[in-house]
PDB file of N, CA and C in Angstrom:
ATOM      1  N   UNK A   1       0.819  -1.201  -0.008  1.00  0.00           N
ATOM      2  CA  UNK A   1       0.001  -0.002   0.001  1.00  0.00           C
ATOM      3  C   UNK A   1       0.867   1.258   0.001  1.00  0.00           C
ATOM      4  N   UNK A   2       2.165   1.099  -0.161  1.00  0.00           N
ATOM      5  CA  UNK A   2       3.106   2.235  -0.191  1.00  0.00           C
ATOM      6  C   UNK A   2       3.001   3.075   1.073  1.00  0.00           C
ATOM      7  N   UNK A   3       2.904   2.400   2.211  1.00  0.00           N
ATOM      8  CA  UNK A   3       2.787   3.094   3.488  1.00  0.00           C
ATOM      9  C   UNK A   3       4.078   3.018   4.273  1.00  0.00           C
ATOM     10  N   UNK A   4       5.191   2.759   3.593  1.00  0.00           N
ATOM     11  CA  UNK A   4       6.454   2.582   4.296  1.00  0.00           C
ATOM     12  C   UNK A   4       6.911   3.835   5.010  1.00  0.00           C
ATOM     13  N   UNK A   5       6.378   5.005   4.678  1.00  0.00           N
ATOM     14  CA  UNK A   5       6.718   6.236   5.379  1.00  0.00           C
ATOM     15  C   UNK A   5       5.836   6.500   6.593  1.00  0.00           C
ATOM     16  N   UNK A   6       4.855   5.664   6.811  1.00  0.00           N
ATOM     17  CA  UNK A   6       3.915   5.856   7.932  1.00  0.00           C
ATOM     18  C   UNK A   6       4.438   5.142   9.168  1.00  0.00           C
ATOM     19  N   UNK A   7       4.146   5.702  10.336  1.00  0.00           N
ATOM     20  CA  UNK A   7       4.439   5.052  11.604  1.00  0.00           C
ATOM     21  C   UNK A   7       3.086   4.655  12.200  1.00  0.00           C
ATOM     22  N   UNK A   8       2.855   3.358  12.304  1.00  0.00           N
ATOM     23  CA  UNK A   8       1.547   2.854  12.736  1.00  0.00           C
ATOM     24  C   UNK A   8       1.740   1.975  13.969  1.00  0.00           C
ATOM     25  N   UNK A   9       1.096   2.350  15.049  1.00  0.00           N
ATOM     26  CA  UNK A   9       1.094   1.545  16.262  1.00  0.00           C
ATOM     27  C   UNK A   9       0.057   0.454  16.101  1.00  0.00           C
ATOM     28  N   UNK A  10       0.387  -0.759  16.495  1.00  0.00           N
ATOM     29  CA  UNK A  10      -0.538  -1.875  16.431  1.00  0.00           C
ATOM     30  C   UNK A  10      -0.754  -2.389  17.848  1.00  0.00           C
ATOM     31  N   UNK A  11      -2.022  -2.512  18.224  1.00  0.00           N
ATOM     32  CA  UNK A  11      -2.382  -3.005  19.554  1.00  0.00           C
ATOM     33  C   UNK A  11      -3.292  -4.229  19.391  1.00  0.00           C
ATOM     34  N   UNK A  12      -3.210  -5.140  20.344  1.00  0.00           N
ATOM     35  CA  UNK A  12      -4.094  -6.285  20.398  1.00  0.00           C
ATOM     36  C   UNK A  12      -4.853  -6.227  21.708  1.00  0.00           C
ATOM     37  N   UNK A  13      -6.164  -6.164  21.629  1.00  0.00           N
ATOM     38  CA  UNK A  13      -7.004  -6.077  22.814  1.00  0.00           C
ATOM     39  C   UNK A  13      -7.422  -7.485  23.242  1.00  0.00           C
ATOM     40  N   UNK A  14      -7.424  -7.726  24.519  1.00  0.00           N
ATOM     41  CA  UNK A  14      -7.900  -9.015  25.021  1.00  0.00           C
ATOM     42  C   UNK A  14      -9.418  -9.037  25.163  1.00  0.00           C
ATOM     43  N   UNK A  15     -10.038  -7.874  25.101  1.00  0.00           N
ATOM     44  CA  UNK A  15     -11.485  -7.775  25.254  1.00  0.00           C
ATOM     45  C   UNK A  15     -12.125  -7.349  23.929  1.00  0.00           C
ATOM     46  N   UNK A  16     -13.396  -7.661  23.714  1.00  0.00           N
ATOM     47  CA  UNK A  16     -14.069  -7.274  22.476  1.00  0.00           C
ATOM     48  C   UNK A  16     -14.160  -5.752  22.359  1.00  0.00           C
ATOM     49  N   UNK A  17     -14.421  -5.324  21.151  1.00  0.00           N
ATOM     50  CA  UNK A  17     -14.526  -3.892  20.850  1.00  0.00           C
ATOM     51  C   UNK A  17     -15.759  -3.298  21.548  1.00  0.00           C
ATOM     52  N   UNK A  18     -15.590  -2.198  22.262  1.00  0.00           N
ATOM     53  CA  UNK A  18     -16.751  -1.551  22.871  1.00  0.00           C
ATOM     54  C   UNK A  18     -17.702  -1.025  21.789  1.00  0.00           C
ATOM     55  N   UNK A  19     -18.971  -1.116  22.058  1.00  0.00           N
ATOM     56  CA  UNK A  19     -19.988  -0.618  21.130  1.00  0.00           C
ATOM     57  C   UNK A  19     -20.101   0.906  21.325  1.00  0.00           C
ATOM     58  N   UNK A  20     -19.618   1.677  20.365  1.00  0.00           N
ATOM     59  CA  UNK A  20     -19.634   3.118  20.506  1.00  0.00           C
ATOM     60  C   UNK A  20     -20.963   3.740  20.153  1.00  0.00           C
ATOM     61  N   UNK A  21     -21.881   2.973  19.567  1.00  0.00           N
ATOM     62  CA  UNK A  21     -23.182   3.534  19.206  1.00  0.00           C
ATOM     63  C   UNK A  21     -24.186   3.479  20.345  1.00  0.00           C
ATOM     64  N   UNK A  22     -23.824   2.785  21.407  1.00  0.00           N
ATOM     65  CA  UNK A  22     -24.726   2.663  22.558  1.00  0.00           C
ATOM     66  C   UNK A  22     -23.930   2.947  23.826  1.00  0.00           C
ATOM     67  N   UNK A  23     -24.621   3.055  24.923  1.00  0.00           N
ATOM     68  CA  UNK A  23     -23.958   3.375  26.187  1.00  0.00           C
ATOM     69  C   UNK A  23     -23.194   2.200  26.792  1.00  0.00           C
ATOM     70  N   UNK A  24     -23.591   0.995  26.479  1.00  0.00           N
ATOM     71  CA  UNK A  24     -22.961  -0.184  27.079  1.00  0.00           C
ATOM     72  C   UNK A  24     -22.888  -1.304  26.068  1.00  0.00           C
ATOM     73  N   UNK A  25     -22.147  -2.320  26.406  1.00  0.00           N
ATOM     74  CA  UNK A  25     -22.076  -3.501  25.565  1.00  0.00           C
ATOM     75  C   UNK A  25     -20.850  -3.508  24.674  1.00  0.00           C
ATOM     76  N   UNK A  26     -20.809  -4.520  23.828  1.00  0.00           N
ATOM     77  CA  UNK A  26     -19.695  -4.680  22.894  1.00  0.00           C
ATOM     78  C   UNK A  26     -20.220  -4.813  21.484  1.00  0.00           C
ATOM     79  N   UNK A  27     -19.365  -4.530  20.541  1.00  0.00           N
ATOM     80  CA  UNK A  27     -19.675  -4.713  19.120  1.00  0.00           C
ATOM     81  C   UNK A  27     -19.118  -6.076  18.711  1.00  0.00           C
ATOM     82  N   UNK A  28     -19.961  -7.093  18.735  1.00  0.00           N
ATOM     83  CA  UNK A  28     -19.518  -8.475  18.514  1.00  0.00           C
ATOM     84  C   UNK A  28     -18.944  -8.707  17.118  1.00  0.00           C
ATOM     85  N   UNK A  29     -19.288  -7.896  16.131  1.00  0.00           N
ATOM     86  CA  UNK A  29     -18.805  -8.091  14.772  1.00  0.00           C
ATOM     87  C   UNK A  29     -17.503  -7.336  14.478  1.00  0.00           C
ATOM     88  N   UNK A  30     -17.085  -6.470  15.371  1.00  0.00           N
ATOM     89  CA  UNK A  30     -15.917  -5.614  15.141  1.00  0.00           C
ATOM     90  C   UNK A  30     -14.621  -6.410  15.302  1.00  0.00           C
ATOM     91  N   UNK A  31     -13.786  -6.399  14.255  1.00  0.00           N
ATOM     92  CA  UNK A  31     -12.497  -7.064  14.304  1.00  0.00           C
ATOM     93  C   UNK A  31     -11.355  -6.127  14.651  1.00  0.00           C
ATOM     94  N   UNK A  32     -11.529  -4.838  14.257  1.00  0.00           N
ATOM     95  CA  UNK A  32     -10.444  -3.877  14.485  1.00  0.00           C
ATOM     96  C   UNK A  32     -10.987  -2.455  14.366  1.00  0.00           C
ATOM     97  N   UNK A  33     -10.255  -1.510  14.945  1.00  0.00           N
ATOM     98  CA  UNK A  33     -10.543  -0.102  14.787  1.00  0.00           C
ATOM     99  C   UNK A  33      -9.246   0.637  14.469  1.00  0.00           C
ATOM    100  N   UNK A  34      -9.373   1.744  13.755  1.00  0.00           N
ATOM    101  CA  UNK A  34      -8.215   2.542  13.401  1.00  0.00           C
ATOM    102  C   UNK A  34      -8.427   3.980  13.808  1.00  0.00           C
ATOM    103  N   UNK A  35      -7.456   4.545  14.469  1.00  0.00           N
ATOM    104  CA  UNK A  35      -7.463   5.959  14.825  1.00  0.00           C
ATOM    105  C   UNK A  35      -6.281   6.595  14.118  1.00  0.00           C
ATOM    106  N   UNK A  36      -6.559   7.654  13.355  1.00  0.00           N
ATOM    107  CA  UNK A  36      -5.509   8.307  12.591  1.00  0.00           C
ATOM    108  C   UNK A  36      -5.075   9.600  13.280  1.00  0.00           C
ATOM    109  N   UNK A  37      -3.949  10.089  12.878  1.00  0.00           N
ATOM    110  CA  UNK A  37      -3.394  11.310  13.451  1.00  0.00           C
ATOM    111  C   UNK A  37      -3.393  12.396  12.389  1.00  0.00           C
ATOM    112  N   UNK A  38      -4.544  12.667  11.841  1.00  0.00           N
ATOM    113  CA  UNK A  38      -4.697  13.760  10.876  1.00  0.00           C
ATOM    114  C   UNK A  38      -3.813  13.582   9.659  1.00  0.00           C
ATOM    115  N   UNK A  39      -3.175  14.660   9.263  1.00  0.00           N
ATOM    116  CA  UNK A  39      -2.351  14.659   8.054  1.00  0.00           C
ATOM    117  C   UNK A  39      -0.937  14.187   8.293  1.00  0.00           C
ATOM    118  N   UNK A  40      -0.641  13.734   9.470  1.00  0.00           N
ATOM    119  CA  UNK A  40       0.735  13.335   9.812  1.00  0.00           C
ATOM    120  C   UNK A  40       1.030  11.905   9.395  1.00  0.00           C
ATOM    121  N   UNK A  41       2.313  11.603   9.288  1.00  0.00           N
ATOM    122  CA  UNK A  41       2.748  10.257   8.900  1.00  0.00           C
ATOM    123  C   UNK A  41       3.013   9.363  10.102  1.00  0.00           C
ATOM    124  N   UNK A  42       2.717   9.863  11.287  1.00  0.00           N
ATOM    125  CA  UNK A  42       2.957   9.060  12.510  1.00  0.00           C
ATOM    126  C   UNK A  42       1.786   9.253  13.472  1.00  0.00           C
ATOM    127  N   UNK A  43       1.770   8.384  14.460  1.00  0.00           N
ATOM    128  CA  UNK A  43       0.743   8.508  15.497  1.00  0.00           C
ATOM    129  C   UNK A  43      -0.552   7.778  15.177  1.00  0.00           C
ATOM    130  N   UNK A  44      -0.580   7.022  14.095  1.00  0.00           N
ATOM    131  CA  UNK A  44      -1.780   6.226  13.772  1.00  0.00           C
ATOM    132  C   UNK A  44      -1.783   4.988  14.682  1.00  0.00           C
ATOM    133  N   UNK A  45      -2.968   4.447  14.952  1.00  0.00           N
ATOM    134  CA  UNK A  45      -3.060   3.265  15.812  1.00  0.00           C
ATOM    135  C   UNK A  45      -4.179   2.349  15.295  1.00  0.00           C
ATOM    136  N   UNK A  46      -3.813   1.080  15.070  1.00  0.00           N
ATOM    137  CA  UNK A  46      -4.791   0.066  14.715  1.00  0.00           C
ATOM    138  C   UNK A  46      -4.893  -0.894  15.904  1.00  0.00           C
ATOM    139  N   UNK A  47      -6.105  -1.082  16.391  1.00  0.00           N
ATOM    140  CA  UNK A  47      -6.339  -1.990  17.498  1.00  0.00           C
ATOM    141  C   UNK A  47      -7.123  -3.201  16.954  1.00  0.00           C
ATOM    142  N   UNK A  48      -6.592  -4.399  17.192  1.00  0.00           N
ATOM    143  CA  UNK A  48      -7.249  -5.629  16.774  1.00  0.00           C
ATOM    144  C   UNK A  48      -7.909  -6.264  17.986  1.00  0.00           C
ATOM    145  N   UNK A  49      -9.121  -6.776  17.757  1.00  0.00           N
ATOM    146  CA  UNK A  49      -9.916  -7.387  18.816  1.00  0.00           C
ATOM    147  C   UNK A  49      -9.975  -8.906  18.608  1.00  0.00           C
ATOM    148  N   UNK A  50     -10.317  -9.681  19.627  1.00  0.00           N
ATOM    149  CA  UNK A  50     -10.344 -11.137  19.517  1.00  0.00           C
ATOM    150  C   UNK A  50     -11.133 -11.673  18.335  1.00  0.00           C
ATOM    151  N   UNK A  51     -12.140 -10.927  17.884  1.00  0.00           N
ATOM    152  CA  UNK A  51     -12.992 -11.379  16.776  1.00  0.00           C
ATOM    153  C   UNK A  51     -12.170 -11.666  15.519  1.00  0.00           C
ATOM    154  N   UNK A  52     -11.084 -10.947  15.271  1.00  0.00           N
ATOM    155  CA  UNK A  52     -10.274 -11.163  14.072  1.00  0.00           C
ATOM    156  C   UNK A  52      -9.705 -12.568  14.037  1.00  0.00           C
ATOM    157  N   UNK A  53      -9.412 -13.132  15.202  1.00  0.00           N
ATOM    158  CA  UNK A  53      -8.843 -14.474  15.280  1.00  0.00           C
ATOM    159  C   UNK A  53      -9.892 -15.551  15.059  1.00  0.00           C
ATOM    160  N   UNK A  54     -11.159 -15.190  15.122  1.00  0.00           N
ATOM    161  CA  UNK A  54     -12.248 -16.147  14.874  1.00  0.00           C
ATOM    162  C   UNK A  54     -12.495 -16.350  13.380  1.00  0.00           C
ATOM    163  N   UNK A  55     -11.908 -15.496  12.552  1.00  0.00           N
ATOM    164  CA  UNK A  55     -12.056 -15.606  11.097  1.00  0.00           C
ATOM    165  C   UNK A  55     -11.191 -16.756  10.603  1.00  0.00           C
ATOM    166  N   UNK A  56     -11.813 -17.844  10.084  1.00  0.00           N
ATOM    167  CA  UNK A  56     -11.016 -19.008   9.665  1.00  0.00           C
ATOM    168  C   UNK A  56     -10.225 -18.787   8.354  1.00  0.00           C
ATOM    169  N   UNK A  57     -10.674 -17.850   7.536  1.00  0.00           N
ATOM    170  CA  UNK A  57     -10.037 -17.598   6.251  1.00  0.00           C
ATOM    171  C   UNK A  57      -8.897 -16.584   6.429  1.00  0.00           C
ATOM    172  N   UNK A  58      -7.663 -17.047   6.303  1.00  0.00           N
ATOM    173  CA  UNK A  58      -6.521 -16.160   6.496  1.00  0.00           C
ATOM    174  C   UNK A  58      -6.480 -15.038   5.460  1.00  0.00           C
ATOM    175  N   UNK A  59      -6.977 -15.318   4.258  1.00  0.00           N
ATOM    176  CA  UNK A  59      -7.061 -14.263   3.240  1.00  0.00           C
ATOM    177  C   UNK A  59      -8.011 -13.147   3.670  1.00  0.00           C
ATOM    178  N   UNK A  60      -9.112 -13.537   4.302  1.00  0.00           N
ATOM    179  CA  UNK A  60     -10.067 -12.536   4.799  1.00  0.00           C
ATOM    180  C   UNK A  60      -9.469 -11.757   5.965  1.00  0.00           C
ATOM    181  N   UNK A  61      -8.699 -12.400   6.796  1.00  0.00           N
ATOM    182  CA  UNK A  61      -7.996 -11.683   7.873  1.00  0.00           C
ATOM    183  C   UNK A  61      -7.065 -10.637   7.259  1.00  0.00           C
ATOM    184  N   UNK A  62      -6.331 -11.014   6.232  1.00  0.00           N
ATOM    185  CA  UNK A  62      -5.414 -10.085   5.584  1.00  0.00           C
ATOM    186  C   UNK A  62      -6.169  -8.921   4.956  1.00  0.00           C
ATOM    187  N   UNK A  63      -7.317  -9.222   4.308  1.00  0.00           N
ATOM    188  CA  UNK A  63      -8.130  -8.181   3.710  1.00  0.00           C
ATOM    189  C   UNK A  63      -8.610  -7.184   4.760  1.00  0.00           C
ATOM    190  N   UNK A  64      -8.939  -7.686   5.937  1.00  0.00           N
ATOM    191  CA  UNK A  64      -9.395  -6.801   7.017  1.00  0.00           C
ATOM    192  C   UNK A  64      -8.261  -5.911   7.509  1.00  0.00           C
ATOM    193  N   UNK A  65      -7.048  -6.422   7.550  1.00  0.00           N
ATOM    194  CA  UNK A  65      -5.886  -5.605   7.926  1.00  0.00           C
ATOM    195  C   UNK A  65      -5.691  -4.492   6.889  1.00  0.00           C
ATOM    196  N   UNK A  66      -5.761  -4.845   5.602  1.00  0.00           N
ATOM    197  CA  UNK A  66      -5.627  -3.856   4.546  1.00  0.00           C
ATOM    198  C   UNK A  66      -6.728  -2.795   4.647  1.00  0.00           C
ATOM    199  N   UNK A  67      -7.932  -3.251   4.955  1.00  0.00           N
ATOM    200  CA  UNK A  67      -9.055  -2.300   5.123  1.00  0.00           C
ATOM    201  C   UNK A  67      -8.728  -1.287   6.222  1.00  0.00           C
ATOM    202  N   UNK A  68      -8.223  -1.766   7.357  1.00  0.00           N
ATOM    203  CA  UNK A  68      -7.912  -0.861   8.452  1.00  0.00           C
ATOM    204  C   UNK A  68      -6.805   0.120   8.055  1.00  0.00           C
ATOM    205  N   UNK A  69      -5.798  -0.344   7.324  1.00  0.00           N
ATOM    206  CA  UNK A  69      -4.737   0.557   6.859  1.00  0.00           C
ATOM    207  C   UNK A  69      -5.276   1.591   5.872  1.00  0.00           C
ATOM    208  N   UNK A  70      -6.250   1.190   5.053  1.00  0.00           N
ATOM    209  CA  UNK A  70      -6.834   2.137   4.098  1.00  0.00           C
ATOM    210  C   UNK A  70      -7.540   3.293   4.802  1.00  0.00           C
ATOM    211  N   UNK A  71      -7.978   3.081   6.034  1.00  0.00           N
ATOM    212  CA  UNK A  71      -8.593   4.173   6.783  1.00  0.00           C
ATOM    213  C   UNK A  71      -7.610   5.345   6.955  1.00  0.00           C
ATOM    214  N   UNK A  72      -6.338   5.049   7.020  1.00  0.00           N
ATOM    215  CA  UNK A  72      -5.340   6.120   7.134  1.00  0.00           C
ATOM    216  C   UNK A  72      -5.364   7.006   5.898  1.00  0.00           C
ATOM    217  N   UNK A  73      -5.639   6.405   4.763  1.00  0.00           N
ATOM    218  CA  UNK A  73      -5.725   7.150   3.494  1.00  0.00           C
ATOM    219  C   UNK A  73      -7.012   7.962   3.422  1.00  0.00           C
ATOM    220  N   UNK A  74      -8.115   7.381   3.827  1.00  0.00           N
ATOM    221  CA  UNK A  74      -9.423   8.003   3.599  1.00  0.00           C
ATOM    222  C   UNK A  74      -9.907   8.877   4.744  1.00  0.00           C
ATOM    223  N   UNK A  75      -9.233   8.879   5.855  1.00  0.00           N
ATOM    224  CA  UNK A  75      -9.735   9.605   7.017  1.00  0.00           C
ATOM    225  C   UNK A  75      -9.787  11.113   6.798  1.00  0.00           C
ATOM    226  N   UNK A  76      -8.912  11.670   5.978  1.00  0.00           N
ATOM    227  CA  UNK A  76      -8.949  13.129   5.745  1.00  0.00           C
ATOM    228  C   UNK A  76     -10.291  13.573   5.194  1.00  0.00           C
ATOM    229  N   UNK A  77     -10.836  12.833   4.229  1.00  0.00           N
ATOM    230  CA  UNK A  77     -12.144  13.183   3.673  1.00  0.00           C
ATOM    231  C   UNK A  77     -13.237  13.049   4.725  1.00  0.00           C
ATOM    232  N   UNK A  78     -13.138  12.025   5.537  1.00  0.00           N
ATOM    233  CA  UNK A  78     -14.132  11.812   6.575  1.00  0.00           C
ATOM    234  C   UNK A  78     -14.138  12.987   7.549  1.00  0.00           C
ATOM    235  N   UNK A  79     -12.966  13.475   7.925  1.00  0.00           N
ATOM    236  CA  UNK A  79     -12.881  14.596   8.850  1.00  0.00           C
ATOM    237  C   UNK A  79     -13.485  15.857   8.234  1.00  0.00           C
ATOM    238  N   UNK A  80     -13.232  16.093   6.937  1.00  0.00           N
ATOM    239  CA  UNK A  80     -13.801  17.266   6.301  1.00  0.00           C
ATOM    240  C   UNK A  80     -15.316  17.193   6.256  1.00  0.00           C
ATOM    241  N   UNK A  81     -15.848  16.033   5.920  1.00  0.00           N
ATOM    242  CA  UNK A  81     -17.299  15.875   5.868  1.00  0.00           C
ATOM    243  C   UNK A  81     -17.906  16.084   7.243  1.00  0.00           C
ATOM    244  N   UNK A  82     -17.231  15.580   8.262  1.00  0.00           N
ATOM    245  CA  UNK A  82     -17.737  15.776   9.612  1.00  0.00           C
ATOM    246  C   UNK A  82     -17.804  17.262   9.956  1.00  0.00           C
ATOM    247  N   UNK A  83     -16.792  18.012   9.548  1.00  0.00           N
ATOM    248  CA  UNK A  83     -16.808  19.457   9.800  1.00  0.00           C
ATOM    249  C   UNK A  83     -17.964  20.099   9.047  1.00  0.00           C
ATOM    250  N   UNK A  84     -18.232  19.667   7.821  1.00  0.00           N
ATOM    251  CA  UNK A  84     -19.364  20.216   7.059  1.00  0.00           C
ATOM    252  C   UNK A  84     -20.689  19.942   7.761  1.00  0.00           C
ATOM    253  N   UNK A  85     -20.854  18.709   8.210  1.00  0.00           N
ATOM    254  CA  UNK A  85     -22.095  18.327   8.861  1.00  0.00           C
ATOM    255  C   UNK A  85     -22.288  19.100  10.151  1.00  0.00           C
ATOM    256  N   UNK A  86     -21.202  19.411  10.840  1.00  0.00           N
ATOM    257  CA  UNK A  86     -21.270  20.151  12.090  1.00  0.00           C
ATOM    258  C   UNK A  86     -21.418  21.640  11.845  1.00  0.00           C
ATOM    259  N   UNK A  87     -21.699  22.044  10.606  1.00  0.00           N
ATOM    260  CA  UNK A  87     -21.865  23.449  10.217  1.00  0.00           C
ATOM    261  C   UNK A  87     -20.637  24.279  10.495  1.00  0.00           C
ATOM    262  N   UNK A  88     -19.472  23.659  10.369  1.00  0.00           N
ATOM    263  CA  UNK A  88     -18.221  24.418  10.491  1.00  0.00           C
ATOM    264  C   UNK A  88     -17.712  24.714   9.092  1.00  0.00           C
ATOM    265  N   UNK A  89     -16.878  25.692   9.004  1.00  0.00           N
ATOM    266  CA  UNK A  89     -16.399  26.159   7.704  1.00  0.00           C
ATOM    267  C   UNK A  89     -15.295  25.260   7.152  1.00  0.00           C
ATOM    268  N   UNK A  90     -15.472  24.813   5.924  1.00  0.00           N
ATOM    269  CA  UNK A  90     -14.464  24.037   5.213  1.00  0.00           C
ATOM    270  C   UNK A  90     -14.222  24.752   3.887  1.00  0.00           C
ATOM    271  N   UNK A  91     -12.976  25.014   3.591  1.00  0.00           N
ATOM    272  CA  UNK A  91     -12.674  25.728   2.347  1.00  0.00           C
ATOM    273  C   UNK A  91     -12.602  24.753   1.197  1.00  0.00           C
ATOM    274  N   UNK A  92     -12.838  25.275  -0.009  1.00  0.00           N
ATOM    275  CA  UNK A  92     -12.733  24.454  -1.210  1.00  0.00           C
ATOM    276  C   UNK A  92     -11.296  23.941  -1.353  1.00  0.00           C
ATOM    277  N   UNK A  93     -10.332  24.734  -0.967  1.00  0.00           N
ATOM    278  CA  UNK A  93      -8.933  24.324  -1.041  1.00  0.00           C
ATOM    279  C   UNK A  93      -8.670  23.109  -0.153  1.00  0.00           C
ATOM    280  N   UNK A  94      -9.236  23.082   1.056  1.00  0.00           N
ATOM    281  CA  UNK A  94      -9.072  21.923   1.954  1.00  0.00           C
ATOM    282  C   UNK A  94      -9.692  20.671   1.327  1.00  0.00           C
ATOM    283  N   UNK A  95     -10.860  20.825   0.751  1.00  0.00           N
ATOM    284  CA  UNK A  95     -11.532  19.680   0.114  1.00  0.00           C
ATOM    285  C   UNK A  95     -10.714  19.185  -1.061  1.00  0.00           C
ATOM    286  N   UNK A  96     -10.244  20.106  -1.897  1.00  0.00           N
ATOM    287  CA  UNK A  96      -9.465  19.739  -3.071  1.00  0.00           C
ATOM    288  C   UNK A  96      -8.161  19.058  -2.659  1.00  0.00           C
ATOM    289  N   UNK A  97      -7.469  19.626  -1.668  1.00  0.00           N
ATOM    290  CA  UNK A  97      -6.201  19.041  -1.222  1.00  0.00           C
ATOM    291  C   UNK A  97      -6.408  17.618  -0.684  1.00  0.00           C
ATOM    292  N   UNK A  98      -7.430  17.411   0.128  1.00  0.00           N
ATOM    293  CA  UNK A  98      -7.692  16.092   0.689  1.00  0.00           C
ATOM    294  C   UNK A  98      -8.040  15.085  -0.422  1.00  0.00           C
ATOM    295  N   UNK A  99      -8.834  15.546  -1.379  1.00  0.00           N
ATOM    296  CA  UNK A  99      -9.196  14.680  -2.509  1.00  0.00           C
ATOM    297  C   UNK A  99      -7.988  14.338  -3.344  1.00  0.00           C
ATOM    298  N   UNK A 100      -7.148  15.296  -3.616  1.00  0.00           N
ATOM    299  CA  UNK A 100      -5.942  15.039  -4.421  1.00  0.00           C
ATOM    300  C   UNK A 100      -4.994  14.103  -3.697  1.00  0.00           C
ATOM    301  N   UNK A 101      -4.846  14.259  -2.394  1.00  0.00           N
ATOM    302  CA  UNK A 101      -3.965  13.386  -1.617  1.00  0.00           C
ATOM    303  C   UNK A 101      -4.438  11.941  -1.714  1.00  0.00           C
ATOM    304  N   UNK A 102      -5.713  11.715  -1.542  1.00  0.00           N
ATOM    305  CA  UNK A 102      -6.262  10.339  -1.630  1.00  0.00           C
ATOM    306  C   UNK A 102      -6.162   9.805  -3.049  1.00  0.00           C
ATOM    307  N   UNK A 103      -6.472  10.661  -4.029  1.00  0.00           N
ATOM    308  CA  UNK A 103      -6.431  10.225  -5.426  1.00  0.00           C
ATOM    309  C   UNK A 103      -5.000   9.835  -5.823  1.00  0.00           C
ATOM    310  N   UNK A 104      -4.038  10.646  -5.429  1.00  0.00           N
ATOM    311  CA  UNK A 104      -2.640  10.369  -5.762  1.00  0.00           C
ATOM    312  C   UNK A 104      -2.147   9.101  -5.081  1.00  0.00           C
ATOM    313  N   UNK A 105      -2.545   8.904  -3.839  1.00  0.00           N
ATOM    314  CA  UNK A 105      -2.143   7.704  -3.120  1.00  0.00           C
ATOM    315  C   UNK A 105      -2.692   6.472  -3.814  1.00  0.00           C
ATOM    316  N   UNK A 106      -3.971   6.521  -4.175  1.00  0.00           N
ATOM    317  CA  UNK A 106      -4.583   5.389  -4.866  1.00  0.00           C
ATOM    318  C   UNK A 106      -3.906   5.163  -6.202  1.00  0.00           C
ATOM    319  N   UNK A 107      -3.586   6.226  -6.919  1.00  0.00           N
ATOM    320  CA  UNK A 107      -2.872   6.097  -8.198  1.00  0.00           C
ATOM    321  C   UNK A 107      -1.516   5.428  -7.997  1.00  0.00           C
ATOM    322  N   UNK A 108      -0.789   5.812  -6.956  1.00  0.00           N
ATOM    323  CA  UNK A 108       0.498   5.184  -6.674  1.00  0.00           C
ATOM    324  C   UNK A 108       0.357   3.711  -6.381  1.00  0.00           C
ATOM    325  N   UNK A 109      -0.679   3.339  -5.652  1.00  0.00           N
ATOM    326  CA  UNK A 109      -0.918   1.939  -5.355  1.00  0.00           C
ATOM    327  C   UNK A 109      -1.193   1.166  -6.637  1.00  0.00           C
ATOM    328  N   UNK A 110      -2.088   1.685  -7.463  1.00  0.00           N
ATOM    329  CA  UNK A 110      -2.413   1.010  -8.729  1.00  0.00           C
ATOM    330  C   UNK A 110      -1.202   0.911  -9.642  1.00  0.00           C
ATOM    331  N   UNK A 111      -0.414   1.972  -9.667  1.00  0.00           N
ATOM    332  CA  UNK A 111       0.774   1.950 -10.519  1.00  0.00           C
ATOM    333  C   UNK A 111       1.774   0.884 -10.021  1.00  0.00           C
ATOM    334  N   UNK A 112       1.940   0.810  -8.712  1.00  0.00           N
ATOM    335  CA  UNK A 112       2.850  -0.196  -8.160  1.00  0.00           C
ATOM    336  C   UNK A 112       2.375  -1.620  -8.458  1.00  0.00           C
ATOM    337  N   UNK A 113       1.077  -1.823  -8.433  1.00  0.00           N
ATOM    338  CA  UNK A 113       0.513  -3.147  -8.749  1.00  0.00           C
ATOM    339  C   UNK A 113       0.678  -3.474 -10.250  1.00  0.00           C
ATOM    340  N   UNK A 114       0.613  -2.448 -11.078  1.00  0.00           N
ATOM    341  CA  UNK A 114       0.712  -2.617 -12.532  1.00  0.00           C
ATOM    342  C   UNK A 114       2.138  -2.774 -12.993  1.00  0.00           C
ATOM    343  N   UNK A 115       3.092  -2.142 -12.284  1.00  0.00           N
ATOM    344  CA  UNK A 115       4.489  -2.112 -12.688  1.00  0.00           C
ATOM    345  C   UNK A 115       5.001  -3.515 -12.995  1.00  0.00           C
ATOM    346  N   UNK A 116       5.356  -3.799 -14.264  1.00  0.00           N
ATOM    347  CA  UNK A 116       5.788  -5.158 -14.636  1.00  0.00           C
ATOM    348  C   UNK A 116       7.209  -5.500 -14.223  1.00  0.00           C
ATOM    349  N   UNK A 117       7.972  -4.544 -13.676  1.00  0.00           N
ATOM    350  CA  UNK A 117       9.376  -4.844 -13.347  1.00  0.00           C
ATOM    351  C   UNK A 117       9.570  -5.634 -12.082  1.00  0.00           C
TER     352      UNK A 117
END
């Protein structure tokens, strides 16, 4: 995923993922969560929960890890949208920059996969 410049902390939780949509309980389907550190290349954290180990298909486990890493790429857009929804000011330049960053990253990934060398 061309993330070799990123510093990502990985944690393993012994307890299931807390259900953030309710006041109590756990999210029984949650395998992992990712917290990003904005536009920085460090300070990201992926937490894996016991549910990931219940997945018998190792390919699906790997796909879920890739999914969590992709959150680091897409989180900038999510943060901008959240600001818009909260009626806070977002400039067109911020939207364009975030979109270009994600687009270029995806292009680099596709190019690396295509590269026949």
